[in-house]
């Protein structure tokens, strides 16, 4: 099912959000999960700049549940630290990121955060077992592979995504190590989500949109679309034709 722009309006986005909530958020009562889900959906319509929502719905739902209820929590170690978790998450996350082309965001976040933790580990003179213990968290990998890479709410340009992800890594490091916030990654993403607006203004690029497969290329639903000539330099920059803003663009991200 599509809208008048050819964008998919199926349950794909809702499924991604619901999976994020169910995998990361824990609660003692079903009403808490309902509040989280309702908040996640509402954020897509209430917090928008132009046609783009800038809060990650799953992240917004988690923060809302933590703030508005007394029985919600996120356990960073709930998935353990076994090596096969890393393989499982990397495999499934890799397939998703290959589809939407957002490896740069995950790489920038994990690279920056790993570097900061390594510097701290060396400064304190700790063994490397401590370092790997802090990185081999199932929740951290789920966040890096699935939540921070939501293509509809993160910056449109590659350089913008890299800068944004590094900022989130830095804030996560500070909140975790100096304020001892166990859910630092979620608060960091929540706090820096509005930065997406400024980044999209500084670095223009076409906005991601789920698309149905073109003829002869069925199933290629991860393409990007220039919506209303956003970031494409206007109609003149795309060839001057009035309908150029509806052309399908592919970003080699």
Protein backbone atom coordinates (compact mmCIF):
# COMPACT_ATOMS: atom_id res chain seq x y z
CA UNK A 1 0.00 0.00 0.00
CA UNK A 2 1.46 3.36 -1.01
CA UNK A 3 0.59 7.02 -0.80
CA UNK A 4 0.43 9.48 -3.69
CA UNK A 5 4.24 9.81 -3.71
CA UNK A 6 4.79 6.10 -4.08
CA UNK A 7 6.07 5.71 -0.54
CA UNK A 8 5.26 2.53 1.31
CA UNK A 9 2.71 3.05 4.09
CA UNK A 10 2.70 -0.53 5.33
CA UNK A 11 3.45 -1.76 8.83
CA UNK A 12 7.23 -1.87 8.34
CA UNK A 13 7.96 1.23 10.42
CA UNK A 14 5.57 0.16 13.18
CA UNK A 15 7.18 -3.28 13.26
CA UNK A 16 10.67 -1.82 13.69
CA UNK A 17 9.51 0.39 16.56
CA UNK A 18 7.63 -2.42 18.30
CA UNK A 19 10.64 -4.73 18.06
CA UNK A 20 12.88 -2.06 19.54
CA UNK A 21 10.55 -1.57 22.49
CA UNK A 22 10.00 -5.26 23.13
CA UNK A 23 13.71 -6.13 22.94
CA UNK A 24 15.07 -3.30 25.06
CA UNK A 25 12.35 -2.12 27.45
CA UNK A 26 11.19 -4.06 30.51
CA UNK A 27 8.11 -3.34 32.64
CA UNK A 28 6.03 -4.92 35.38
CA UNK A 29 2.69 -4.12 33.78
CA UNK A 30 1.31 -4.14 30.26
CA UNK A 31 -0.01 -0.59 30.61
CA UNK A 32 3.58 0.65 30.82
CA UNK A 33 4.37 -0.94 27.47
CA UNK A 34 1.18 0.59 26.08
CA UNK A 35 2.32 4.04 27.25
CA UNK A 36 5.70 3.49 25.62
CA UNK A 37 4.10 2.41 22.33
CA UNK A 38 1.63 5.31 22.31
CA UNK A 39 4.41 7.80 23.06
CA UNK A 40 6.56 6.35 20.29
CA UNK A 41 3.78 6.71 17.74
CA UNK A 42 2.80 10.18 18.92
CA UNK A 43 6.38 11.44 18.64
CA UNK A 44 6.34 10.86 14.88
CA UNK A 45 3.50 13.37 14.50
CA UNK A 46 4.21 15.85 17.30
CA UNK A 47 7.95 16.42 16.89
CA UNK A 48 8.54 17.21 13.24
CA UNK A 49 10.58 19.68 11.26
CA UNK A 50 9.02 20.00 7.85
CA UNK A 51 7.96 16.49 6.90
CA UNK A 52 10.59 14.74 9.00
CA UNK A 53 10.29 13.53 12.59
CA UNK A 54 13.58 13.89 14.42
CA UNK A 55 13.07 11.70 17.50
CA UNK A 56 13.65 7.99 17.12
CA UNK A 57 10.19 6.57 17.96
CA UNK A 58 11.49 3.54 19.87
CA UNK A 59 13.93 5.67 21.85
CA UNK A 60 11.25 8.24 22.63
CA UNK A 61 8.94 5.48 23.85
CA UNK A 62 11.63 4.08 26.14
CA UNK A 63 12.46 7.48 27.64
CA UNK A 64 8.76 8.26 28.09
CA UNK A 65 8.20 5.00 29.97
CA UNK A 66 11.24 5.62 32.19
CA UNK A 67 10.09 9.15 33.04
CA UNK A 68 6.32 8.70 33.29
CA UNK A 69 6.11 5.35 35.07
CA UNK A 70 7.72 3.74 38.09
CA UNK A 71 7.94 0.16 36.84
CA UNK A 72 9.88 0.54 33.58
CA UNK A 73 13.58 -0.15 33.25
CA UNK A 74 16.27 -0.99 30.73
CA UNK A 75 18.92 -3.48 31.76
CA UNK A 76 22.14 -2.95 29.78
CA UNK A 77 23.27 -6.49 30.57
CA UNK A 78 20.01 -8.28 29.92
CA UNK A 79 21.39 -9.93 26.79
CA UNK A 80 24.57 -11.08 28.46
CA UNK A 81 28.06 -10.84 27.00
CA UNK A 82 28.39 -14.11 25.10
CA UNK A 83 30.27 -13.97 21.79
CA UNK A 84 27.44 -15.61 19.86
CA UNK A 85 25.15 -12.69 20.78
CA UNK A 86 27.58 -10.40 19.00
CA UNK A 87 27.53 -12.68 15.94
CA UNK A 88 23.74 -12.87 15.95
CA UNK A 89 23.25 -9.13 16.27
CA UNK A 90 26.00 -8.36 13.76
CA UNK A 91 24.50 -10.77 11.26
CA UNK A 92 20.91 -9.60 11.50
CA UNK A 93 21.96 -5.98 11.85
CA UNK A 94 24.29 -6.31 8.90
CA UNK A 95 21.49 -7.51 6.64
CA UNK A 96 19.33 -4.58 7.72
CA UNK A 97 22.08 -2.01 7.29
CA UNK A 98 23.04 -3.38 3.89
CA UNK A 99 19.44 -2.84 2.85
CA UNK A 100 19.15 0.74 4.05
CA UNK A 101 22.81 1.74 3.64
CA UNK A 102 23.56 3.12 7.10
CA UNK A 103 26.77 1.29 8.04
CA UNK A 104 28.49 4.65 8.40
CA UNK A 105 26.35 5.56 11.41
CA UNK A 106 27.03 2.30 13.26
CA UNK A 107 30.74 2.39 12.42
CA UNK A 108 31.11 6.00 13.56
CA UNK A 109 29.30 5.39 16.85
CA UNK A 110 31.04 2.14 17.78
CA UNK A 111 34.41 3.40 16.56
CA UNK A 112 34.25 6.64 18.55
CA UNK A 113 32.87 5.00 21.68
CA UNK A 114 35.40 2.16 21.54
CA UNK A 115 38.25 4.65 21.16
CA UNK A 116 37.10 6.70 24.15
CA UNK A 117 36.77 3.59 26.30
CA UNK A 118 40.22 2.39 25.19
CA UNK A 119 41.82 5.73 26.14
CA UNK A 120 40.10 5.61 29.54
CA UNK A 121 41.18 2.01 30.05
CA UNK A 122 44.82 2.89 29.32
CA UNK A 123 44.69 6.00 31.51
CA UNK A 124 43.38 4.03 34.48
CA UNK A 125 45.77 1.14 33.89
CA UNK A 126 43.05 -1.47 33.75
CA UNK A 127 43.37 -4.82 32.01
CA UNK A 128 41.80 -5.26 28.60
CA UNK A 129 39.29 -7.69 30.07
CA UNK A 130 37.57 -4.67 31.59
CA UNK A 131 37.56 -2.94 28.22
CA UNK A 132 35.92 -5.85 26.40
CA UNK A 133 33.47 -6.31 29.26
CA UNK A 134 32.23 -2.75 28.76
CA UNK A 135 31.85 -3.17 25.02
CA UNK A 136 30.38 -6.68 24.79
CA UNK A 137 26.89 -5.66 25.81
CA UNK A 138 23.91 -6.97 23.90
CA UNK A 139 21.95 -3.79 24.54
CA UNK A 140 24.81 -1.64 23.23
CA UNK A 141 25.00 -3.69 20.02
CA UNK A 142 21.22 -3.64 19.57
CA UNK A 143 21.30 0.13 19.98
CA UNK A 144 24.19 0.60 17.54
CA UNK A 145 22.82 -1.73 14.87
CA UNK A 146 19.10 -1.09 15.00
CA UNK A 147 18.12 2.05 16.92
CA UNK A 148 20.72 4.67 16.04
CA UNK A 149 20.47 3.70 12.35
CA UNK A 150 16.75 4.46 11.92
CA UNK A 151 16.90 5.98 8.42
CA UNK A 152 13.81 8.16 8.82
CA UNK A 153 14.95 10.15 11.86
CA UNK A 154 18.75 10.41 11.54
CA UNK A 155 20.63 13.00 9.42
CA UNK A 156 20.26 12.61 5.67
CA UNK A 157 23.87 13.18 4.58
CA UNK A 158 26.71 10.76 5.25
CA UNK A 159 29.00 13.37 6.82
CA UNK A 160 26.08 14.54 8.94
CA UNK A 161 25.41 11.02 10.18
CA UNK A 162 29.06 10.50 11.07
CA UNK A 163 29.27 13.78 13.02
CA UNK A 164 25.97 13.03 14.76
CA UNK A 165 26.98 9.49 15.71
CA UNK A 166 30.32 10.68 17.12
CA UNK A 167 28.51 13.27 19.24
CA UNK A 168 26.19 10.59 20.61
CA UNK A 169 29.19 8.37 21.39
CA UNK A 170 30.87 11.22 23.25
CA UNK A 171 27.79 12.05 25.31
CA UNK A 172 27.23 8.36 26.05
CA UNK A 173 30.80 8.08 27.32
CA UNK A 174 30.38 11.11 29.59
CA UNK A 175 27.01 10.04 31.00
CA UNK A 176 28.16 6.48 31.61
CA UNK A 177 31.57 7.14 33.15
CA UNK A 178 31.13 10.46 34.95
CA UNK A 179 27.44 10.45 35.87
CA UNK A 180 27.13 6.64 36.10
CA UNK A 181 23.93 6.49 34.06
CA UNK A 182 23.40 2.85 33.09
CA UNK A 183 21.02 3.81 30.26
CA UNK A 184 23.42 6.42 28.89
CA UNK A 185 23.04 5.45 25.21
CA UNK A 186 19.29 6.05 25.24
CA UNK A 187 19.54 9.40 27.00
CA UNK A 188 22.32 10.50 24.67
CA UNK A 189 20.25 9.72 21.59
CA UNK A 190 17.21 11.44 23.10
CA UNK A 191 19.17 14.58 23.98
CA UNK A 192 20.91 14.91 20.62
CA UNK A 193 18.00 13.94 18.37
CA UNK A 194 17.06 17.61 17.69
CA UNK A 195 20.61 18.15 16.41
CA UNK A 196 19.43 16.34 13.28
CA UNK A 197 17.57 19.49 12.22
CA UNK A 198 20.71 21.64 12.25
CA UNK A 199 22.80 18.96 10.54
CA UNK A 200 20.27 18.58 7.72
CA UNK A 201 20.44 22.34 7.17
CA UNK A 202 24.24 22.38 7.13
CA UNK A 203 24.66 19.31 4.88
CA UNK A 204 21.87 18.93 2.35
CA UNK A 205 21.03 15.47 1.05
CA UNK A 206 17.96 13.57 -0.16
CA UNK A 207 15.79 12.18 2.59
CA UNK A 208 15.42 8.43 2.97
CA UNK A 209 12.03 6.93 2.08
CA UNK A 210 10.89 3.34 1.82
CA UNK A 211 10.05 2.58 -1.79
CA UNK A 212 8.33 -0.19 -3.64
CA UNK A 213 10.47 -1.98 -6.19
CA UNK A 214 10.66 -0.52 -9.65
CA UNK A 215 9.78 -2.54 -12.65
CA UNK A 216 12.62 -4.90 -13.39
CA UNK A 217 13.98 -4.40 -9.89
CA UNK A 218 11.31 -5.88 -7.70
CA UNK A 219 11.92 -5.92 -4.00
CA UNK A 220 14.42 -3.07 -3.94
CA UNK A 221 12.59 -1.31 -1.15
CA UNK A 222 15.56 0.34 0.49
CA UNK A 223 16.10 3.04 -2.13
CA UNK A 224 16.08 6.69 -1.24
CA UNK A 225 13.81 9.32 -2.61
CA UNK A 226 14.24 13.06 -2.99
CA UNK A 227 11.10 14.41 -1.34
CA UNK A 228 10.15 17.85 -2.55
CA UNK A 229 13.66 18.43 -3.88
CA UNK A 230 15.05 18.34 -0.33
CA UNK A 231 18.83 18.48 -0.44
CA UNK A 232 18.96 17.97 -4.19
CA UNK A 233 19.72 21.56 -5.06
CA UNK A 234 16.16 22.35 -6.18
CA UNK A 235 14.59 21.53 -9.49
CA UNK A 236 17.25 23.44 -11.41
CA UNK A 237 20.05 21.46 -9.80
CA UNK A 238 18.38 18.23 -10.86
CA UNK A 239 17.90 19.14 -14.47
CA UNK A 240 15.24 21.87 -14.36
CA UNK A 241 12.24 19.68 -15.09
CA UNK A 242 9.19 20.27 -12.93
CA UNK A 243 8.85 16.58 -12.09
CA UNK A 244 12.46 15.94 -11.31
CA UNK A 245 11.78 16.15 -7.58
CA UNK A 246 9.90 12.87 -7.90
CA UNK A 247 12.76 10.95 -9.48
CA UNK A 248 14.15 7.98 -7.61
CA UNK A 249 17.60 8.68 -6.24
CA UNK A 250 19.98 6.08 -4.96
CA UNK A 251 22.54 7.01 -2.34
CA UNK A 252 25.64 4.85 -2.28
CA UNK A 253 25.90 5.03 1.48
